Amino acid sequence: MNQMKRISQSNRGFTLLELLVVTALIGVLASMAAPIYQNYSMQARTVDGVLVLEELRRRVEIEFNRRGELGTEIPSSPTPSGEKFGGPFYTYEALFGQSHDMWQSIEYQPKGPHRVIVLRAHRNPEWDNSDIGIHLQVRRTSDTELEFRCTVNNISTRQDLVPASCKDGDVNDWSSW
């Protein structure tokens, strides 16, 4: 009888209170981790956007070295999808042959003798419907040289989402860099 009592006490399991406490702790931890994971995922996708801009930078640089001037359209690209801000824009799919779950369009804006390539994202509720745009400034410094700078136009809601190399600067500032 004593042996039966010992067995039943050691196999009694968890109480309802213990299960509720553990469940509550898991819920709190998950609610804290979800936004961190979402922000990390968003940062990874914006890094992908910077790589897209590097590809477009390469195209512009090659064309500039061939012709000695900045064209009015992104080199080695299909016909633009339309015009925005005084220059052509392309859908991501038209420019790269496939759609993207984040990036929607690419603009090529003339700014006097310079250009700005703007990569724009879809406005999704998971990003608080914010406008995520990364700008690559293309500055002509001489007849044979270009300089490039990545910026998010000093918009604070974008700064947490992009690499440090794209945080500083204003897209209309051509002299401080």
N, C-alpha and C. Protein backbone atom coordinates (compact mmCIF):
# COMPACT_ATOMS: atom_id res chain seq x y z
N MET A 1 0.81 -1.19 0.00
CA MET A 1 0.00 0.00 0.00
C MET A 1 0.86 1.26 0.00
N ASN A 2 1.90 1.25 0.81
CA ASN A 2 2.83 2.38 0.86
C ASN A 2 3.49 2.59 -0.50
N GLN A 3 3.85 1.48 -1.14
CA GLN A 3 4.50 1.55 -2.44
C GLN A 3 3.53 2.13 -3.49
N MET A 4 2.26 1.80 -3.45
CA MET A 4 1.25 2.32 -4.36
C MET A 4 1.09 3.82 -4.16
N LYS A 5 1.13 4.27 -2.93
CA LYS A 5 0.98 5.69 -2.63
C LYS A 5 2.15 6.48 -3.20
N ARG A 6 3.38 5.95 -3.08
CA ARG A 6 4.56 6.62 -3.62
C ARG A 6 4.49 6.71 -5.14
N ILE A 7 4.05 5.70 -5.80
CA ILE A 7 3.96 5.70 -7.26
C ILE A 7 2.94 6.72 -7.73
N SER A 8 1.80 6.78 -7.08
CA SER A 8 0.77 7.72 -7.51
C SER A 8 1.19 9.16 -7.26
N GLN A 9 1.96 9.44 -6.23
CA GLN A 9 2.42 10.80 -5.98
C GLN A 9 3.48 11.22 -6.99
N SER A 10 4.34 10.34 -7.41
CA SER A 10 5.39 10.71 -8.36
C SER A 10 4.86 10.82 -9.79
N ASN A 11 3.74 10.26 -10.13
CA ASN A 11 3.17 10.30 -11.47
C ASN A 11 1.96 11.22 -11.56
N ARG A 12 1.85 12.15 -10.70
CA ARG A 12 0.61 12.93 -10.67
C ARG A 12 0.54 14.00 -11.75
N GLY A 13 1.64 14.42 -12.42
CA GLY A 13 1.59 15.38 -13.53
C GLY A 13 1.61 16.83 -13.07
N PHE A 14 1.15 17.73 -13.94
CA PHE A 14 1.14 19.16 -13.66
C PHE A 14 -0.25 19.61 -13.24
N THR A 15 -0.29 20.63 -12.43
CA THR A 15 -1.58 21.19 -12.04
C THR A 15 -2.05 22.15 -13.12
N LEU A 16 -3.31 22.47 -13.11
CA LEU A 16 -3.86 23.42 -14.07
C LEU A 16 -3.19 24.77 -13.93
N LEU A 17 -2.91 25.20 -12.73
CA LEU A 17 -2.25 26.48 -12.49
C LEU A 17 -0.86 26.51 -13.12
N GLU A 18 -0.10 25.44 -12.96
CA GLU A 18 1.23 25.37 -13.56
C GLU A 18 1.15 25.46 -15.08
N LEU A 19 0.20 24.78 -15.68
CA LEU A 19 0.04 24.82 -17.13
C LEU A 19 -0.36 26.22 -17.61
N LEU A 20 -1.23 26.89 -16.87
CA LEU A 20 -1.64 28.25 -17.23
C LEU A 20 -0.47 29.23 -17.14
N VAL A 21 0.36 29.09 -16.12
CA VAL A 21 1.52 29.97 -15.96
C VAL A 21 2.50 29.78 -17.11
N VAL A 22 2.78 28.54 -17.45
CA VAL A 22 3.70 28.25 -18.56
C VAL A 22 3.13 28.78 -19.87
N THR A 23 1.85 28.58 -20.10
CA THR A 23 1.20 29.07 -21.31
C THR A 23 1.27 30.59 -21.37
N ALA A 24 1.04 31.27 -20.27
CA ALA A 24 1.11 32.73 -20.23
C ALA A 24 2.54 33.21 -20.52
N LEU A 25 3.53 32.55 -19.95
CA LEU A 25 4.93 32.93 -20.22
C LEU A 25 5.29 32.75 -21.69
N ILE A 26 4.85 31.66 -22.28
CA ILE A 26 5.12 31.43 -23.70
C ILE A 26 4.44 32.51 -24.54
N GLY A 27 3.23 32.90 -24.18
CA GLY A 27 2.52 33.96 -24.90
C GLY A 27 3.23 35.29 -24.81
N VAL A 28 3.72 35.64 -23.63
CA VAL A 28 4.44 36.90 -23.45
C VAL A 28 5.73 36.89 -24.28
N LEU A 29 6.47 35.81 -24.21
CA LEU A 29 7.71 35.71 -24.98
C LEU A 29 7.46 35.78 -26.48
N ALA A 30 6.42 35.11 -26.94
CA ALA A 30 6.09 35.14 -28.37
C ALA A 30 5.66 36.54 -28.81
N SER A 31 4.90 37.23 -27.96
CA SER A 31 4.47 38.59 -28.33
C SER A 31 5.65 39.56 -28.38
N MET A 32 6.68 39.30 -27.59
CA MET A 32 7.88 40.14 -27.64
C MET A 32 8.75 39.77 -28.84
N ALA A 33 8.78 38.53 -29.22
CA ALA A 33 9.66 38.07 -30.29
C ALA A 33 9.09 38.38 -31.68
N ALA A 34 7.79 38.39 -31.83
CA ALA A 34 7.19 38.58 -33.16
C ALA A 34 7.59 39.91 -33.80
N PRO A 35 7.49 41.06 -33.12
CA PRO A 35 7.92 42.31 -33.77
C PRO A 35 9.41 42.34 -34.08
N ILE A 36 10.20 41.72 -33.24
CA ILE A 36 11.65 41.69 -33.49
C ILE A 36 11.92 40.88 -34.76
N TYR A 37 11.27 39.75 -34.88
CA TYR A 37 11.44 38.93 -36.07
C TYR A 37 10.94 39.66 -37.32
N GLN A 38 9.81 40.33 -37.21
CA GLN A 38 9.25 41.06 -38.34
C GLN A 38 10.20 42.16 -38.78
N ASN A 39 10.77 42.90 -37.83
CA ASN A 39 11.72 43.96 -38.16
C ASN A 39 12.97 43.37 -38.82
N TYR A 40 13.45 42.26 -38.29
CA TYR A 40 14.62 41.60 -38.87
C TYR A 40 14.33 41.16 -40.30
N SER A 41 13.17 40.59 -40.53
CA SER A 41 12.78 40.14 -41.86
C SER A 41 12.72 41.32 -42.83
N MET A 42 12.18 42.44 -42.37
CA MET A 42 12.09 43.64 -43.19
C MET A 42 13.47 44.18 -43.52
N GLN A 43 14.37 44.18 -42.55
CA GLN A 43 15.73 44.64 -42.80
C GLN A 43 16.42 43.76 -43.83
N ALA A 44 16.20 42.47 -43.77
CA ALA A 44 16.80 41.56 -44.75
C ALA A 44 16.29 41.86 -46.15
N ARG A 45 15.02 42.18 -46.28
CA ARG A 45 14.47 42.49 -47.60
C ARG A 45 14.97 43.83 -48.12
N THR A 46 15.22 44.80 -47.23
CA THR A 46 15.76 46.07 -47.71
C THR A 46 17.21 45.93 -48.13
N VAL A 47 17.95 45.03 -47.50
CA VAL A 47 19.31 44.74 -47.96
C VAL A 47 19.25 44.20 -49.38
N ASP A 48 18.26 43.37 -49.66
CA ASP A 48 18.03 42.88 -51.02
C ASP A 48 17.80 44.06 -51.96
N GLY A 49 17.08 45.07 -51.50
CA GLY A 49 16.85 46.26 -52.31
C GLY A 49 18.13 47.02 -52.61
N VAL A 50 19.03 47.08 -51.64
CA VAL A 50 20.32 47.75 -51.86
C VAL A 50 21.10 46.98 -52.93
N LEU A 51 21.01 45.67 -52.92
CA LEU A 51 21.69 44.87 -53.95
C LEU A 51 21.09 45.14 -55.34
N VAL A 52 19.77 45.34 -55.39
CA VAL A 52 19.12 45.69 -56.65
C VAL A 52 19.66 47.03 -57.14
N LEU A 53 19.80 47.99 -56.24
CA LEU A 53 20.35 49.29 -56.62
C LEU A 53 21.80 49.18 -57.10
N GLU A 54 22.55 48.27 -56.52
CA GLU A 54 23.93 48.05 -56.98
C GLU A 54 23.95 47.55 -58.42
N GLU A 55 23.01 46.70 -58.77
CA GLU A 55 22.91 46.23 -60.16
C GLU A 55 22.59 47.39 -61.09
N LEU A 56 21.65 48.25 -60.68
CA LEU A 56 21.30 49.41 -61.51
C LEU A 56 22.46 50.40 -61.57
N ARG A 57 23.18 50.54 -60.48
CA ARG A 57 24.37 51.39 -60.46
C ARG A 57 25.38 50.90 -61.50
N ARG A 58 25.58 49.60 -61.54
CA ARG A 58 26.52 49.02 -62.50
C ARG A 58 26.10 49.35 -63.93
N ARG A 59 24.80 49.23 -64.22
CA ARG A 59 24.31 49.54 -65.56
C ARG A 59 24.57 51.01 -65.93
N VAL A 60 24.27 51.90 -64.99
CA VAL A 60 24.47 53.33 -65.25
C VAL A 60 25.96 53.63 -65.45
N GLU A 61 26.80 53.04 -64.64
CA GLU A 61 28.24 53.28 -64.73
C GLU A 61 28.81 52.77 -66.06
N ILE A 62 28.42 51.61 -66.48
CA ILE A 62 28.90 51.05 -67.74
C ILE A 62 28.48 51.94 -68.91
N GLU A 63 27.22 52.35 -68.90
CA GLU A 63 26.72 53.20 -69.98
C GLU A 63 27.41 54.56 -69.98
N PHE A 64 27.66 55.11 -68.80
CA PHE A 64 28.36 56.39 -68.71
C PHE A 64 29.79 56.26 -69.25
N ASN A 65 30.46 55.17 -68.94
CA ASN A 65 31.82 54.96 -69.44
C ASN A 65 31.85 54.77 -70.96
N ARG A 66 30.78 54.20 -71.52
CA ARG A 66 30.69 54.03 -72.98
C ARG A 66 30.41 55.34 -73.70
N ARG A 67 29.42 56.09 -73.18
CA ARG A 67 28.93 57.27 -73.90
C ARG A 67 29.44 58.60 -73.36
N GLY A 68 29.88 58.61 -72.10
CA GLY A 68 30.36 59.86 -71.52
C GLY A 68 29.24 60.78 -71.06
N GLU A 69 28.04 60.27 -70.93
CA GLU A 69 26.92 61.08 -70.46
C GLU A 69 25.92 60.21 -69.72
N LEU A 70 25.11 60.85 -68.89
CA LEU A 70 24.04 60.14 -68.18
C LEU A 70 22.80 60.18 -69.06
N GLY A 71 22.28 59.02 -69.37
CA GLY A 71 21.09 58.94 -70.21
C GLY A 71 19.83 59.35 -69.48
N THR A 72 18.73 59.33 -70.19
CA THR A 72 17.45 59.72 -69.60
C THR A 72 16.65 58.51 -69.12
N GLU A 73 17.14 57.31 -69.43
CA GLU A 73 16.50 56.07 -68.98
C GLU A 73 17.56 55.15 -68.39
N ILE A 74 17.13 54.20 -67.58
CA ILE A 74 18.07 53.23 -67.01
C ILE A 74 18.60 52.38 -68.16
N PRO A 75 19.92 52.33 -68.32
CA PRO A 75 20.51 51.55 -69.43
C PRO A 75 20.17 50.06 -69.34
N SER A 76 20.15 49.41 -70.49
CA SER A 76 19.88 47.97 -70.60
C SER A 76 18.55 47.59 -69.95
N SER A 77 17.56 48.44 -70.18
CA SER A 77 16.24 48.22 -69.58
C SER A 77 15.17 48.22 -70.65
N PRO A 78 14.02 47.61 -70.37
CA PRO A 78 12.91 47.65 -71.33
C PRO A 78 12.30 49.05 -71.38
N THR A 79 11.31 49.20 -72.19
CA THR A 79 10.59 50.47 -72.28
C THR A 79 9.99 50.81 -70.93
N PRO A 80 10.13 52.06 -70.47
CA PRO A 80 9.55 52.44 -69.17
C PRO A 80 8.05 52.20 -69.11
N SER A 81 7.56 51.98 -67.91
CA SER A 81 6.13 51.76 -67.68
C SER A 81 5.34 53.06 -67.64
N GLY A 82 6.02 54.16 -67.50
CA GLY A 82 5.39 55.47 -67.43
C GLY A 82 6.39 56.50 -66.94
N GLU A 83 5.86 57.62 -66.42
CA GLU A 83 6.73 58.69 -65.94
C GLU A 83 6.26 59.18 -64.59
N LYS A 84 7.23 59.43 -63.69
CA LYS A 84 6.97 60.00 -62.37
C LYS A 84 8.10 60.96 -62.04
N PHE A 85 7.78 62.05 -61.42
CA PHE A 85 8.77 63.01 -60.94
C PHE A 85 9.74 63.43 -62.05
N GLY A 86 9.24 63.60 -63.27
CA GLY A 86 10.06 64.10 -64.36
C GLY A 86 10.93 63.07 -65.05
N GLY A 87 10.80 61.81 -64.69
CA GLY A 87 11.62 60.77 -65.32
C GLY A 87 10.85 59.48 -65.45
N PRO A 88 11.43 58.52 -66.15
CA PRO A 88 10.73 57.26 -66.35
C PRO A 88 10.68 56.42 -65.08
N PHE A 89 9.66 55.56 -65.01
CA PHE A 89 9.63 54.56 -63.95
C PHE A 89 9.34 53.21 -64.59
N TYR A 90 9.77 52.18 -63.90
CA TYR A 90 9.64 50.81 -64.37
C TYR A 90 9.02 49.99 -63.25
N THR A 91 8.19 49.03 -63.60
CA THR A 91 7.76 48.10 -62.57
C THR A 91 8.93 47.15 -62.32
N TYR A 92 8.99 46.61 -61.14
CA TYR A 92 10.06 45.67 -60.80
C TYR A 92 10.04 44.50 -61.77
N GLU A 93 8.84 44.02 -62.06
CA GLU A 93 8.70 42.87 -62.94
C GLU A 93 9.18 43.17 -64.35
N ALA A 94 8.88 44.37 -64.87
CA ALA A 94 9.32 44.73 -66.22
C ALA A 94 10.85 44.85 -66.28
N LEU A 95 11.44 45.35 -65.21
CA LEU A 95 12.89 45.58 -65.21
C LEU A 95 13.70 44.30 -64.99
N PHE A 96 13.17 43.39 -64.16
CA PHE A 96 13.94 42.20 -63.80
C PHE A 96 13.30 40.89 -64.23
N GLY A 97 12.13 40.94 -64.87
CA GLY A 97 11.52 39.73 -65.40
C GLY A 97 10.79 38.86 -64.39
N GLN A 98 10.65 39.33 -63.18
CA GLN A 98 9.90 38.59 -62.15
C GLN A 98 9.38 39.58 -61.12
N SER A 99 8.31 39.19 -60.46
CA SER A 99 7.76 40.08 -59.43
C SER A 99 8.53 39.88 -58.13
N HIS A 100 8.35 40.81 -57.22
CA HIS A 100 9.01 40.76 -55.92
C HIS A 100 7.94 40.99 -54.86
N ASP A 101 8.06 40.33 -53.71
CA ASP A 101 7.03 40.47 -52.68
C ASP A 101 7.14 41.80 -51.94
N MET A 102 8.19 42.56 -52.17
CA MET A 102 8.33 43.85 -51.50
C MET A 102 8.45 45.00 -52.49
N TRP A 103 9.40 44.91 -53.39
CA TRP A 103 9.69 46.04 -54.29
C TRP A 103 8.70 46.08 -55.44
N GLN A 104 8.22 47.30 -55.70
CA GLN A 104 7.17 47.48 -56.69
C GLN A 104 7.66 48.21 -57.93
N SER A 105 8.38 49.31 -57.74
CA SER A 105 8.76 50.11 -58.90
C SER A 105 10.13 50.74 -58.70
N ILE A 106 10.71 51.13 -59.83
CA ILE A 106 12.01 51.79 -59.84
C ILE A 106 11.85 53.05 -60.68
N GLU A 107 12.25 54.19 -60.11
CA GLU A 107 12.16 55.47 -60.82
C GLU A 107 13.57 55.93 -61.17
N TYR A 108 13.69 56.65 -62.26
CA TYR A 108 14.97 57.22 -62.68
C TYR A 108 14.75 58.71 -62.87
N GLN A 109 14.99 59.47 -61.82
CA GLN A 109 14.65 60.89 -61.79
C GLN A 109 15.84 61.76 -62.19
N PRO A 110 15.65 62.66 -63.16
CA PRO A 110 16.70 63.62 -63.48
C PRO A 110 16.75 64.72 -62.43
N LYS A 111 17.95 65.10 -62.02
CA LYS A 111 18.14 66.19 -61.07
C LYS A 111 19.26 67.07 -61.63
N GLY A 112 18.93 67.86 -62.65
CA GLY A 112 19.95 68.66 -63.33
C GLY A 112 20.91 67.72 -64.05
N PRO A 113 22.22 67.89 -63.83
CA PRO A 113 23.18 66.98 -64.50
C PRO A 113 23.29 65.62 -63.81
N HIS A 114 22.57 65.44 -62.71
CA HIS A 114 22.65 64.22 -61.92
C HIS A 114 21.38 63.38 -62.09
N ARG A 115 21.35 62.22 -61.45
CA ARG A 115 20.18 61.35 -61.49
C ARG A 115 19.95 60.74 -60.11
N VAL A 116 18.72 60.30 -59.88
CA VAL A 116 18.38 59.57 -58.68
C VAL A 116 17.60 58.33 -59.11
N ILE A 117 18.06 57.18 -58.62
CA ILE A 117 17.33 55.93 -58.85
C ILE A 117 16.59 55.64 -57.55
N VAL A 118 15.28 55.51 -57.63
CA VAL A 118 14.46 55.29 -56.44
C VAL A 118 13.81 53.92 -56.53
N LEU A 119 14.03 53.11 -55.51
CA LEU A 119 13.41 51.79 -55.41
C LEU A 119 12.27 51.91 -54.40
N ARG A 120 11.04 51.65 -54.84
CA ARG A 120 9.87 51.82 -53.97
C ARG A 120 9.23 50.47 -53.65
N ALA A 121 8.71 50.40 -52.42
CA ALA A 121 8.08 49.16 -51.93
C ALA A 121 6.57 49.29 -51.92
N HIS A 122 5.91 48.13 -51.83
CA HIS A 122 4.46 48.09 -51.62
C HIS A 122 4.16 48.66 -50.24
N ARG A 123 3.02 49.25 -50.09
CA ARG A 123 2.58 49.73 -48.77
C ARG A 123 1.78 48.62 -48.11
N ASN A 124 2.41 47.90 -47.22
CA ASN A 124 1.76 46.78 -46.53
C ASN A 124 1.44 47.13 -45.09
N PRO A 125 0.33 46.62 -44.57
CA PRO A 125 -0.02 46.89 -43.17
C PRO A 125 1.07 46.45 -42.19
N GLU A 126 1.80 45.40 -42.53
CA GLU A 126 2.85 44.92 -41.62
C GLU A 126 3.99 45.92 -41.47
N TRP A 127 4.09 46.88 -42.40
CA TRP A 127 5.10 47.94 -42.28
C TRP A 127 4.45 49.24 -41.85
N ASP A 128 3.28 49.17 -41.22
CA ASP A 128 2.50 50.34 -40.84
C ASP A 128 2.16 51.21 -42.05
N ASN A 129 2.01 50.57 -43.21
CA ASN A 129 1.68 51.25 -44.45
C ASN A 129 2.65 52.38 -44.79
N SER A 130 3.87 52.26 -44.30
CA SER A 130 4.85 53.32 -44.57
C SER A 130 5.40 53.19 -45.97
N ASP A 131 5.83 54.31 -46.50
CA ASP A 131 6.44 54.38 -47.81
C ASP A 131 7.91 54.03 -47.65
N ILE A 132 8.30 52.87 -48.15
CA ILE A 132 9.70 52.47 -48.05
C ILE A 132 10.33 52.72 -49.41
N GLY A 133 11.21 53.68 -49.44
CA GLY A 133 11.92 54.00 -50.68
C GLY A 133 13.38 54.19 -50.39
N ILE A 134 14.21 53.59 -51.21
CA ILE A 134 15.65 53.76 -51.09
C ILE A 134 16.12 54.53 -52.32
N HIS A 135 16.91 55.58 -52.10
CA HIS A 135 17.38 56.43 -53.18
C HIS A 135 18.87 56.20 -53.42
N LEU A 136 19.23 56.05 -54.66
CA LEU A 136 20.64 56.00 -55.04
C LEU A 136 20.92 57.24 -55.87
N GLN A 137 21.68 58.17 -55.28
CA GLN A 137 22.04 59.39 -56.00
C GLN A 137 23.22 59.10 -56.92
N VAL A 138 23.12 59.60 -58.14
CA VAL A 138 24.19 59.45 -59.13
C VAL A 138 24.66 60.86 -59.45
N ARG A 139 25.85 61.20 -59.00
CA ARG A 139 26.38 62.56 -59.19
C ARG A 139 27.52 62.52 -60.19
N ARG A 140 27.38 63.36 -61.18
CA ARG A 140 28.45 63.50 -62.17
C ARG A 140 29.46 64.52 -61.64
N THR A 141 30.69 64.08 -61.40
CA THR A 141 31.71 64.98 -60.82
C THR A 141 32.65 65.55 -61.88
N SER A 142 32.74 64.89 -63.02
CA SER A 142 33.56 65.39 -64.12
C SER A 142 33.07 64.73 -65.41
N ASP A 143 33.79 64.98 -66.50
CA ASP A 143 33.40 64.37 -67.77
C ASP A 143 33.60 62.86 -67.78
N THR A 144 34.40 62.36 -66.83
CA THR A 144 34.72 60.93 -66.84
C THR A 144 34.40 60.21 -65.53
N GLU A 145 33.83 60.92 -64.55
CA GLU A 145 33.62 60.30 -63.24
C GLU A 145 32.21 60.52 -62.70
N LEU A 146 31.75 59.48 -62.01
CA LEU A 146 30.48 59.52 -61.30
C LEU A 146 30.73 59.16 -59.84
N GLU A 147 29.89 59.68 -58.96
CA GLU A 147 29.87 59.27 -57.56
C GLU A 147 28.46 58.81 -57.23
N PHE A 148 28.36 57.90 -56.26
CA PHE A 148 27.07 57.34 -55.89
C PHE A 148 26.90 57.44 -54.38
N ARG A 149 25.66 57.65 -53.96
CA ARG A 149 25.34 57.66 -52.53
C ARG A 149 23.93 57.11 -52.33
N CYS A 150 23.80 56.24 -51.35
CA CYS A 150 22.51 55.65 -51.01
C CYS A 150 21.92 56.43 -49.83
N THR A 151 20.64 56.77 -49.91
CA THR A 151 19.98 57.52 -48.84
C THR A 151 18.50 57.15 -48.77
N VAL A 152 17.89 57.46 -47.64
CA VAL A 152 16.44 57.29 -47.49
C VAL A 152 15.77 58.63 -47.26
N ASN A 153 16.47 59.68 -47.66
CA ASN A 153 15.91 61.03 -47.62
C ASN A 153 15.66 61.54 -46.21
N ASN A 154 16.49 61.11 -45.26
CA ASN A 154 16.36 61.53 -43.86
C ASN A 154 14.97 61.28 -43.28
N ILE A 155 14.28 60.27 -43.75
CA ILE A 155 12.96 59.93 -43.23
C ILE A 155 13.13 58.90 -42.12
N SER A 156 12.80 59.31 -40.90
CA SER A 156 13.12 58.48 -39.73
C SER A 156 12.43 57.12 -39.75
N THR A 157 11.23 57.02 -40.32
CA THR A 157 10.54 55.72 -40.33
C THR A 157 11.24 54.71 -41.23
N ARG A 158 12.04 55.18 -42.16
CA ARG A 158 12.78 54.29 -43.05
C ARG A 158 14.13 53.89 -42.47
N GLN A 159 14.70 54.72 -41.61
CA GLN A 159 16.08 54.55 -41.19
C GLN A 159 16.34 53.26 -40.43
N ASP A 160 15.37 52.75 -39.70
CA ASP A 160 15.56 51.49 -38.97
C ASP A 160 15.55 50.29 -39.90
N LEU A 161 15.09 50.47 -41.12
CA LEU A 161 14.90 49.34 -42.03
C LEU A 161 16.03 49.14 -43.03
N VAL A 162 16.93 50.09 -43.14
CA VAL A 162 17.96 50.00 -44.18
C VAL A 162 19.35 49.89 -43.58
N PRO A 163 20.31 49.43 -44.37
CA PRO A 163 21.69 49.36 -43.88
C PRO A 163 22.22 50.75 -43.53
N ALA A 164 23.21 50.79 -42.68
CA ALA A 164 23.78 52.07 -42.21
C ALA A 164 24.28 52.92 -43.37
N SER A 165 24.72 52.31 -44.45
CA SER A 165 25.25 53.06 -45.59
C SER A 165 24.18 53.90 -46.30
N CYS A 166 22.91 53.66 -46.01
CA CYS A 166 21.83 54.39 -46.69
C CYS A 166 21.09 55.35 -45.77
N LYS A 167 21.52 55.56 -44.57
CA LYS A 167 20.74 56.34 -43.62
C LYS A 167 20.94 57.84 -43.73
N ASP A 168 22.11 58.26 -44.08
CA ASP A 168 22.41 59.69 -44.06
C ASP A 168 22.09 60.36 -45.38
N GLY A 169 21.77 61.64 -45.30
CA GLY A 169 21.64 62.43 -46.50
C GLY A 169 20.23 62.70 -46.94
N ASP A 170 20.14 63.68 -47.81
CA ASP A 170 18.89 64.11 -48.41
C ASP A 170 19.06 63.99 -49.91
N VAL A 171 18.06 63.48 -50.58
CA VAL A 171 18.16 63.22 -52.01
C VAL A 171 18.35 64.49 -52.82
N ASN A 172 18.01 65.65 -52.27
CA ASN A 172 18.19 66.91 -52.98
C ASN A 172 19.49 67.62 -52.62
N ASP A 173 20.30 67.02 -51.77
CA ASP A 173 21.59 67.59 -51.38
C ASP A 173 22.68 66.97 -52.27
N TRP A 174 23.31 67.80 -53.06
CA TRP A 174 24.35 67.31 -53.97
C TRP A 174 25.73 67.83 -53.60
N SER A 175 25.84 68.63 -52.56
CA SER A 175 27.13 69.26 -52.26
C SER A 175 27.84 68.74 -51.03
N SER A 176 27.13 68.16 -50.06
CA SER A 176 27.75 67.81 -48.79
C SER A 176 28.43 66.44 -48.80
N TRP A 177 28.46 65.78 -49.90
CA TRP A 177 29.11 64.48 -49.94
C TRP A 177 30.12 64.41 -51.01
